[in-house]
Amino acid sequence: MSKILIVEDDKKLRNELKIFLEKNGYEAEILEDFENPIENILNRKVDLILLDINLPNLDGTYICKEIRKTSNVPIIMVTSRESEIDELISLNNGADQYVTKPFNILILLAKISGLLRRMQEYANINQNRIDCKDFILNISKSVIEKDDNIIELTKNELKILHYLVLKQGQIVSRDEIINYLWDSESFIDDNTLTVNMTRLRGKLEEIGIKDKIQTKRGQGYILTL
């Protein structure tokens, strides 16, 4: 269930929005403390923010701009202002949508649904195809892609490389990799890990990528940035 944060100082409106969103299958939270709104918003794990422009202490467009420095959470600006300049400022500061009061509640719901759907589609694409700078790791197809070259990976090779990618730039011990594979129901021992690592390096070299996986003696492996 997607969670939506309502940042609105009009008590009646925010309560109505909360009830409406919950009736339509969303979890809704209300921000009631406007002393430190940016910090309070960023400390909450939500999937979308309904953000009013006219707030106590800080303007909503400024809050949007500050949120965008550290978060890509979808933001819909909700305002009574009808100025095109305000809309332009909101969009330039990172808002995804702009809704003017009084708004059609069903149109707002459609905008929320559309934004959340696009974010999920984007997340699925990113999860399935990971850009590792020198190559693309395609999880869904179990291959390495570089330019027009495609190299197939075995199940264990995929899991090992995926784990190294997730830990890219960090040293990962052999035991850590083995434990990860066991947790993933891929049972390998120390010798099998060595064989898989050698094959992985060989496959990367086939497409011109050398020394991407480095051995740190007595510590483990590192996938370089």
C-alpha atoms as a PDB file:
ATOM      1  CA  MET A   1       0.000   0.000   0.000  1.00  0.00           C
ATOM      2  CA  SER A   2       1.433   3.368  -1.051  1.00  0.00           C
ATOM      3  CA  LYS A   3       1.855   5.972   1.671  1.00  0.00           C
ATOM      4  CA  ILE A   4       1.025   9.617   0.979  1.00  0.00           C
ATOM      5  CA  LEU A   5       2.059  12.545   3.159  1.00  0.00           C
ATOM      6  CA  ILE A   6      -0.337  15.505   3.290  1.00  0.00           C
ATOM      7  CA  VAL A   7       1.446  18.795   4.009  1.00  0.00           C
ATOM      8  CA  GLU A   8      -1.454  21.234   4.364  1.00  0.00           C
ATOM      9  CA  ASP A   9      -2.166  23.760   7.144  1.00  0.00           C
ATOM     10  CA  ASP A  10      -5.920  23.859   6.488  1.00  0.00           C
ATOM     11  CA  LYS A  11      -7.088  21.332   9.065  1.00  0.00           C
ATOM     12  CA  LYS A  12     -10.455  20.664   7.431  1.00  0.00           C
ATOM     13  CA  LEU A  13      -8.992  20.112   3.967  1.00  0.00           C
ATOM     14  CA  ARG A  14      -6.167  17.845   5.114  1.00  0.00           C
ATOM     15  CA  ASN A  15      -8.568  15.677   7.127  1.00  0.00           C
ATOM     16  CA  GLU A  16     -10.893  15.396   4.118  1.00  0.00           C
ATOM     17  CA  LEU A  17      -7.947  14.441   1.911  1.00  0.00           C
ATOM     18  CA  LYS A  18      -6.817  11.821   4.414  1.00  0.00           C
ATOM     19  CA  ILE A  19     -10.260  10.221   4.535  1.00  0.00           C
ATOM     20  CA  PHE A  20     -10.607  10.274   0.747  1.00  0.00           C
ATOM     21  CA  LEU A  21      -7.160   8.754   0.126  1.00  0.00           C
ATOM     22  CA  GLU A  22      -7.714   5.996   2.675  1.00  0.00           C
ATOM     23  CA  LYS A  23     -11.066   5.148   1.091  1.00  0.00           C
ATOM     24  CA  ASN A  24      -9.233   4.743  -2.224  1.00  0.00           C
ATOM     25  CA  GLY A  25      -6.643   2.289  -0.960  1.00  0.00           C
ATOM     26  CA  TYR A  26      -3.813   4.558   0.168  1.00  0.00           C
ATOM     27  CA  GLU A  27      -2.202   5.020   3.541  1.00  0.00           C
ATOM     28  CA  ALA A  28      -2.292   8.719   4.411  1.00  0.00           C
ATOM     29  CA  GLU A  29      -0.287  10.700   6.949  1.00  0.00           C
ATOM     30  CA  ILE A  30      -0.701  14.338   7.963  1.00  0.00           C
ATOM     31  CA  LEU A  31       2.146  16.703   8.811  1.00  0.00           C
ATOM     32  CA  GLU A  32       0.952  18.814  11.729  1.00  0.00           C
ATOM     33  CA  ASP A  33       4.240  20.305  12.962  1.00  0.00           C
ATOM     34  CA  PHE A  34       5.401  23.165  10.734  1.00  0.00           C
ATOM     35  CA  GLU A  35       8.312  24.329  12.898  1.00  0.00           C
ATOM     36  CA  ASN A  36      10.863  22.275  10.941  1.00  0.00           C
ATOM     37  CA  PRO A  37       8.859  21.090   7.915  1.00  0.00           C
ATOM     38  CA  ILE A  38      11.784  20.060   5.689  1.00  0.00           C
ATOM     39  CA  GLU A  39      13.372  17.890   8.363  1.00  0.00           C
ATOM     40  CA  ASN A  40      10.017  16.460   9.398  1.00  0.00           C
ATOM     41  CA  ILE A  41       9.149  15.564   5.809  1.00  0.00           C
ATOM     42  CA  LEU A  42      12.517  13.971   5.023  1.00  0.00           C
ATOM     43  CA  ASN A  43      12.370  11.873   8.201  1.00  0.00           C
ATOM     44  CA  ARG A  44       9.214  10.145   6.961  1.00  0.00           C
ATOM     45  CA  LYS A  45       9.264   7.247   4.520  1.00  0.00           C
ATOM     46  CA  VAL A  46       6.468   8.028   2.082  1.00  0.00           C
ATOM     47  CA  ASP A  47       5.753   7.317  -1.583  1.00  0.00           C
ATOM     48  CA  LEU A  48       4.275  10.705  -2.515  1.00  0.00           C
ATOM     49  CA  ILE A  49       3.824  14.168  -1.012  1.00  0.00           C
ATOM     50  CA  LEU A  50       0.858  16.522  -1.385  1.00  0.00           C
ATOM     51  CA  LEU A  51       2.479  19.873  -0.623  1.00  0.00           C
ATOM     52  CA  ASP A  52       0.622  23.150  -0.156  1.00  0.00           C
ATOM     53  CA  ILE A  53       2.398  26.330  -1.269  1.00  0.00           C
ATOM     54  CA  ASN A  54       0.931  28.568   1.448  1.00  0.00           C
ATOM     55  CA  LEU A  55       2.378  27.204   4.685  1.00  0.00           C
ATOM     56  CA  PRO A  56       3.361  28.765   7.999  1.00  0.00           C
ATOM     57  CA  ASN A  57       7.038  29.736   8.306  1.00  0.00           C
ATOM     58  CA  LEU A  58       8.214  28.514   4.886  1.00  0.00           C
ATOM     59  CA  ASP A  59       6.886  28.738   1.342  1.00  0.00           C
ATOM     60  CA  GLY A  60       5.990  25.376  -0.182  1.00  0.00           C
ATOM     61  CA  THR A  61       8.098  25.981  -3.296  1.00  0.00           C
ATOM     62  CA  TYR A  62      11.182  26.466  -1.108  1.00  0.00           C
ATOM     63  CA  ILE A  63      10.379  23.277   0.805  1.00  0.00           C
ATOM     64  CA  CYS A  64      10.037  21.432  -2.518  1.00  0.00           C
ATOM     65  CA  LYS A  65      13.417  22.742  -3.671  1.00  0.00           C
ATOM     66  CA  GLU A  66      15.119  21.602  -0.450  1.00  0.00           C
ATOM     67  CA  ILE A  67      13.497  18.155  -0.566  1.00  0.00           C
ATOM     68  CA  ARG A  68      14.774  17.698  -4.120  1.00  0.00           C
ATOM     69  CA  LYS A  69      18.365  18.042  -2.925  1.00  0.00           C
ATOM     70  CA  THR A  70      18.183  14.642  -1.252  1.00  0.00           C
ATOM     71  CA  SER A  71      14.973  12.915  -2.397  1.00  0.00           C
ATOM     72  CA  ASN A  72      13.190  11.973  -5.635  1.00  0.00           C
ATOM     73  CA  VAL A  73       9.854  11.305  -3.945  1.00  0.00           C
ATOM     74  CA  PRO A  74       6.971  12.472  -6.192  1.00  0.00           C
ATOM     75  CA  ILE A  75       5.580  15.867  -5.169  1.00  0.00           C
ATOM     76  CA  ILE A  76       2.225  17.374  -6.131  1.00  0.00           C
ATOM     77  CA  MET A  77       1.914  21.057  -5.288  1.00  0.00           C
ATOM     78  CA  VAL A  78      -1.564  21.970  -4.025  1.00  0.00           C
ATOM     79  CA  THR A  79      -2.375  25.681  -3.943  1.00  0.00           C
ATOM     80  CA  SER A  80      -5.040  28.357  -4.114  1.00  0.00           C
ATOM     81  CA  ARG A  81      -2.756  30.501  -6.265  1.00  0.00           C
ATOM     82  CA  GLU A  82      -3.634  30.612  -9.956  1.00  0.00           C
ATOM     83  CA  SER A  83      -0.499  32.384 -11.164  1.00  0.00           C
ATOM     84  CA  GLU A  84       1.375  30.729 -14.026  1.00  0.00           C
ATOM     85  CA  ILE A  85       4.570  32.082 -12.486  1.00  0.00           C
ATOM     86  CA  ASP A  86       3.899  30.121  -9.277  1.00  0.00           C
ATOM     87  CA  GLU A  87       3.298  26.995 -11.329  1.00  0.00           C
ATOM     88  CA  LEU A  88       6.520  27.546 -13.277  1.00  0.00           C
ATOM     89  CA  ILE A  89       8.512  28.136 -10.075  1.00  0.00           C
ATOM     90  CA  SER A  90       7.059  24.971  -8.517  1.00  0.00           C
ATOM     91  CA  LEU A  91       7.933  22.830 -11.533  1.00  0.00           C
ATOM     92  CA  ASN A  92      11.418  24.343 -11.785  1.00  0.00           C
ATOM     93  CA  ASN A  93      11.975  23.569  -8.106  1.00  0.00           C
ATOM     94  CA  GLY A  94      11.212  19.896  -8.674  1.00  0.00           C
ATOM     95  CA  ALA A  95       7.449  19.471  -8.326  1.00  0.00           C
ATOM     96  CA  ASP A  96       5.983  16.727 -10.508  1.00  0.00           C
ATOM     97  CA  GLN A  97       2.446  18.135 -10.701  1.00  0.00           C
ATOM     98  CA  TYR A  98       0.635  21.362  -9.837  1.00  0.00           C
ATOM     99  CA  VAL A  99      -3.015  21.400  -8.703  1.00  0.00           C
ATOM    100  CA  THR A 100      -5.042  24.563  -8.070  1.00  0.00           C
ATOM    101  CA  LYS A 101      -7.760  24.783  -5.414  1.00  0.00           C
ATOM    102  CA  PRO A 102     -10.621  24.172  -5.597  1.00  0.00           C
ATOM    103  CA  PHE A 103      -9.636  20.997  -7.411  1.00  0.00           C
ATOM    104  CA  ASN A 104     -11.589  18.027  -8.688  1.00  0.00           C
ATOM    105  CA  ILE A 105     -10.793  15.281  -6.197  1.00  0.00           C
ATOM    106  CA  LEU A 106     -11.030  12.565  -8.886  1.00  0.00           C
ATOM    107  CA  ILE A 107      -8.518  14.400 -11.087  1.00  0.00           C
ATOM    108  CA  LEU A 108      -6.174  14.658  -8.097  1.00  0.00           C
ATOM    109  CA  LEU A 109      -6.588  10.920  -7.532  1.00  0.00           C
ATOM    110  CA  ALA A 110      -5.753  10.243 -11.195  1.00  0.00           C
ATOM    111  CA  LYS A 111      -2.605  12.382 -10.932  1.00  0.00           C
ATOM    112  CA  ILE A 112      -1.526  10.512  -7.794  1.00  0.00           C
ATOM    113  CA  SER A 113      -2.150   7.137  -9.422  1.00  0.00           C
ATOM    114  CA  GLY A 114      -0.266   8.119 -12.576  1.00  0.00           C
ATOM    115  CA  LEU A 115       2.767   9.416 -10.700  1.00  0.00           C
ATOM    116  CA  LEU A 116       3.015   6.345  -8.477  1.00  0.00           C
ATOM    117  CA  ARG A 117       2.650   4.039 -11.493  1.00  0.00           C
ATOM    118  CA  ARG A 118       5.439   5.797 -13.388  1.00  0.00           C
ATOM    119  CA  MET A 119       7.712   5.682 -10.341  1.00  0.00           C
ATOM    120  CA  GLN A 120       7.111   1.936 -10.012  1.00  0.00           C
ATOM    121  CA  GLU A 121       7.811   1.366 -13.703  1.00  0.00           C
ATOM    122  CA  TYR A 122      11.007   3.407 -13.423  1.00  0.00           C
ATOM    123  CA  ALA A 123      12.076   1.438 -10.338  1.00  0.00           C
ATOM    124  CA  ASN A 124      11.448  -1.873 -12.117  1.00  0.00           C
ATOM    125  CA  ILE A 125      13.534  -0.782 -15.105  1.00  0.00           C
ATOM    126  CA  ASN A 126      16.382   0.348 -12.873  1.00  0.00           C
ATOM    127  CA  GLN A 127      16.212  -2.846 -10.859  1.00  0.00           C
ATOM    128  CA  ASN A 128      16.373  -5.047 -13.943  1.00  0.00           C
ATOM    129  CA  ARG A 129      19.080  -3.094 -15.798  1.00  0.00           C
ATOM    130  CA  ILE A 130      21.818  -1.682 -13.581  1.00  0.00           C
ATOM    131  CA  ASP A 131      24.253   0.821 -15.088  1.00  0.00           C
ATOM    132  CA  CYS A 132      27.721  -0.094 -13.794  1.00  0.00           C
ATOM    133  CA  LYS A 133      29.479   2.638 -15.836  1.00  0.00           C
ATOM    134  CA  ASP A 134      31.648   0.226 -17.842  1.00  0.00           C
ATOM    135  CA  PHE A 135      28.778  -2.183 -18.548  1.00  0.00           C
ATOM    136  CA  ILE A 136      25.076  -2.859 -17.957  1.00  0.00           C
ATOM    137  CA  LEU A 137      24.062  -5.757 -15.735  1.00  0.00           C
ATOM    138  CA  ASN A 138      20.709  -7.016 -17.016  1.00  0.00           C
ATOM    139  CA  ILE A 139      19.186  -8.950 -14.130  1.00  0.00           C
ATOM    140  CA  SER A 140      16.070 -10.151 -15.932  1.00  0.00           C
ATOM    141  CA  LYS A 141      18.068 -11.621 -18.851  1.00  0.00           C
ATOM    142  CA  SER A 142      21.107 -12.717 -16.793  1.00  0.00           C
ATOM    143  CA  VAL A 143      23.572 -11.026 -19.143  1.00  0.00           C
ATOM    144  CA  ILE A 144      26.284  -8.368 -19.227  1.00  0.00           C
ATOM    145  CA  GLU A 145      25.741  -5.717 -21.898  1.00  0.00           C
ATOM    146  CA  LYS A 146      28.387  -3.397 -23.333  1.00  0.00           C
ATOM    147  CA  ASP A 147      27.723  -1.514 -26.558  1.00  0.00           C
ATOM    148  CA  ASP A 148      26.596  -4.259 -28.976  1.00  0.00           C
ATOM    149  CA  ASN A 149      28.161  -7.065 -26.937  1.00  0.00           C
ATOM    150  CA  ILE A 150      26.085  -9.410 -24.785  1.00  0.00           C
ATOM    151  CA  ILE A 151      27.649 -12.010 -22.488  1.00  0.00           C
ATOM    152  CA  GLU A 152      25.477 -14.625 -20.802  1.00  0.00           C
ATOM    153  CA  LEU A 153      25.935 -15.414 -17.116  1.00  0.00           C
ATOM    154  CA  THR A 154      25.212 -18.560 -15.161  1.00  0.00           C
ATOM    155  CA  LYS A 155      22.902 -18.335 -12.149  1.00  0.00           C
ATOM    156  CA  ASN A 156      25.792 -18.182  -9.680  1.00  0.00           C
ATOM    157  CA  GLU A 157      27.810 -15.747 -11.807  1.00  0.00           C
ATOM    158  CA  LEU A 158      24.811 -13.428 -11.954  1.00  0.00           C
ATOM    159  CA  LYS A 159      24.282 -13.524  -8.197  1.00  0.00           C
ATOM    160  CA  ILE A 160      27.973 -12.947  -7.441  1.00  0.00           C
ATOM    161  CA  LEU A 161      28.264 -10.042  -9.866  1.00  0.00           C
ATOM    162  CA  HIS A 162      24.975  -8.539  -8.689  1.00  0.00           C
ATOM    163  CA  TYR A 163      26.202  -8.619  -5.091  1.00  0.00           C
ATOM    164  CA  LEU A 164      29.488  -6.986  -6.040  1.00  0.00           C
ATOM    165  CA  VAL A 165      27.560  -4.313  -7.963  1.00  0.00           C
ATOM    166  CA  LEU A 166      25.392  -3.598  -4.915  1.00  0.00           C
ATOM    167  CA  LYS A 167      28.615  -3.210  -2.898  1.00  0.00           C
ATOM    168  CA  GLN A 168      30.488  -1.401  -5.683  1.00  0.00           C
ATOM    169  CA  GLY A 169      33.574   0.414  -4.370  1.00  0.00           C
ATOM    170  CA  GLN A 170      33.588  -1.645  -1.154  1.00  0.00           C
ATOM    171  CA  ILE A 171      35.706  -4.656  -0.244  1.00  0.00           C
ATOM    172  CA  VAL A 172      33.560  -7.782   0.079  1.00  0.00           C
ATOM    173  CA  SER A 173      34.949 -10.853   1.825  1.00  0.00           C
ATOM    174  CA  ARG A 174      34.727 -14.334   0.337  1.00  0.00           C
ATOM    175  CA  ASP A 175      32.668 -15.491   3.325  1.00  0.00           C
ATOM    176  CA  GLU A 176      30.221 -12.640   2.775  1.00  0.00           C
ATOM    177  CA  ILE A 177      29.664 -13.672  -0.845  1.00  0.00           C
ATOM    178  CA  ILE A 178      29.267 -17.343   0.068  1.00  0.00           C
ATOM    179  CA  ASN A 179      26.786 -16.506   2.839  1.00  0.00           C
ATOM    180  CA  TYR A 180      24.822 -14.315   0.435  1.00  0.00           C
ATOM    181  CA  LEU A 181      24.603 -17.143  -2.094  1.00  0.00           C
ATOM    182  CA  TRP A 182      23.517 -19.613   0.569  1.00  0.00           C
ATOM    183  CA  ASP A 183      20.783 -17.185   1.626  1.00  0.00           C
ATOM    184  CA  SER A 184      19.741 -17.067  -2.034  1.00  0.00           C
ATOM    185  CA  GLU A 185      19.576 -20.891  -2.139  1.00  0.00           C
ATOM    186  CA  SER A 186      22.682 -21.126  -4.326  1.00  0.00           C
ATOM    187  CA  PHE A 187      24.937 -23.461  -2.408  1.00  0.00           C
ATOM    188  CA  ILE A 188      28.630 -23.020  -3.227  1.00  0.00           C
ATOM    189  CA  ASP A 189      31.868 -23.636  -1.387  1.00  0.00           C
ATOM    190  CA  ASP A 190      35.177 -21.783  -1.385  1.00  0.00           C
ATOM    191  CA  ASN A 191      36.586 -23.604  -4.430  1.00  0.00           C
ATOM    192  CA  THR A 192      33.411 -23.043  -6.442  1.00  0.00           C
ATOM    193  CA  LEU A 193      33.562 -19.323  -5.638  1.00  0.00           C
ATOM    194  CA  THR A 194      37.110 -19.173  -7.017  1.00  0.00           C
ATOM    195  CA  VAL A 195      36.020 -20.877 -10.241  1.00  0.00           C
ATOM    196  CA  ASN A 196      33.029 -18.542 -10.664  1.00  0.00           C
ATOM    197  CA  MET A 197      35.143 -15.463 -10.000  1.00  0.00           C
ATOM    198  CA  THR A 198      37.687 -16.559 -12.625  1.00  0.00           C
ATOM    199  CA  ARG A 199      34.908 -17.084 -15.175  1.00  0.00           C
ATOM    200  CA  LEU A 200      33.355 -13.707 -14.359  1.00  0.00           C
ATOM    201  CA  ARG A 201      36.652 -11.928 -14.930  1.00  0.00           C
ATOM    202  CA  GLY A 202      37.092 -13.810 -18.176  1.00  0.00           C
ATOM    203  CA  LYS A 203      33.658 -12.791 -19.419  1.00  0.00           C
ATOM    204  CA  LEU A 204      34.305  -9.152 -18.566  1.00  0.00           C
ATOM    205  CA  GLU A 205      37.623  -9.318 -20.446  1.00  0.00           C
ATOM    206  CA  GLU A 206      35.783 -10.699 -23.487  1.00  0.00           C
ATOM    207  CA  ILE A 207      34.105  -7.306 -23.844  1.00  0.00           C
ATOM    208  CA  GLY A 208      37.242  -5.328 -23.085  1.00  0.00           C
ATOM    209  CA  ILE A 209      36.811  -4.762 -19.342  1.00  0.00           C
ATOM    210  CA  LYS A 210      39.964  -5.681 -17.425  1.00  0.00           C
ATOM    211  CA  ASP A 211      40.699  -5.487 -13.710  1.00  0.00           C
ATOM    212  CA  LYS A 212      37.139  -4.444 -12.860  1.00  0.00           C
ATOM    213  CA  ILE A 213      36.993  -7.110 -10.136  1.00  0.00           C
ATOM    214  CA  GLN A 214      40.110  -6.788  -8.032  1.00  0.00           C
ATOM    215  CA  THR A 215      41.405  -9.159  -5.349  1.00  0.00           C
ATOM    216  CA  LYS A 216      42.379  -7.612  -2.029  1.00  0.00           C
ATOM    217  CA  ARG A 217      44.728 -10.133  -0.484  1.00  0.00           C
ATOM    218  CA  GLY A 218      43.451 -11.445   2.824  1.00  0.00           C
ATOM    219  CA  GLN A 219      40.308  -9.301   2.556  1.00  0.00           C
ATOM    220  CA  GLY A 220      38.232 -10.334  -0.455  1.00  0.00           C
ATOM    221  CA  TYR A 221      37.114  -8.657  -3.687  1.00  0.00           C
ATOM    222  CA  ILE A 222      36.145  -5.197  -4.832  1.00  0.00           C
ATOM    223  CA  LEU A 223      34.257  -4.083  -7.935  1.00  0.00           C
ATOM    224  CA  THR A 224      35.983  -0.793  -8.792  1.00  0.00           C
ATOM    225  CA  LEU A 225      34.026   2.360  -9.479  1.00  0.00           C
END
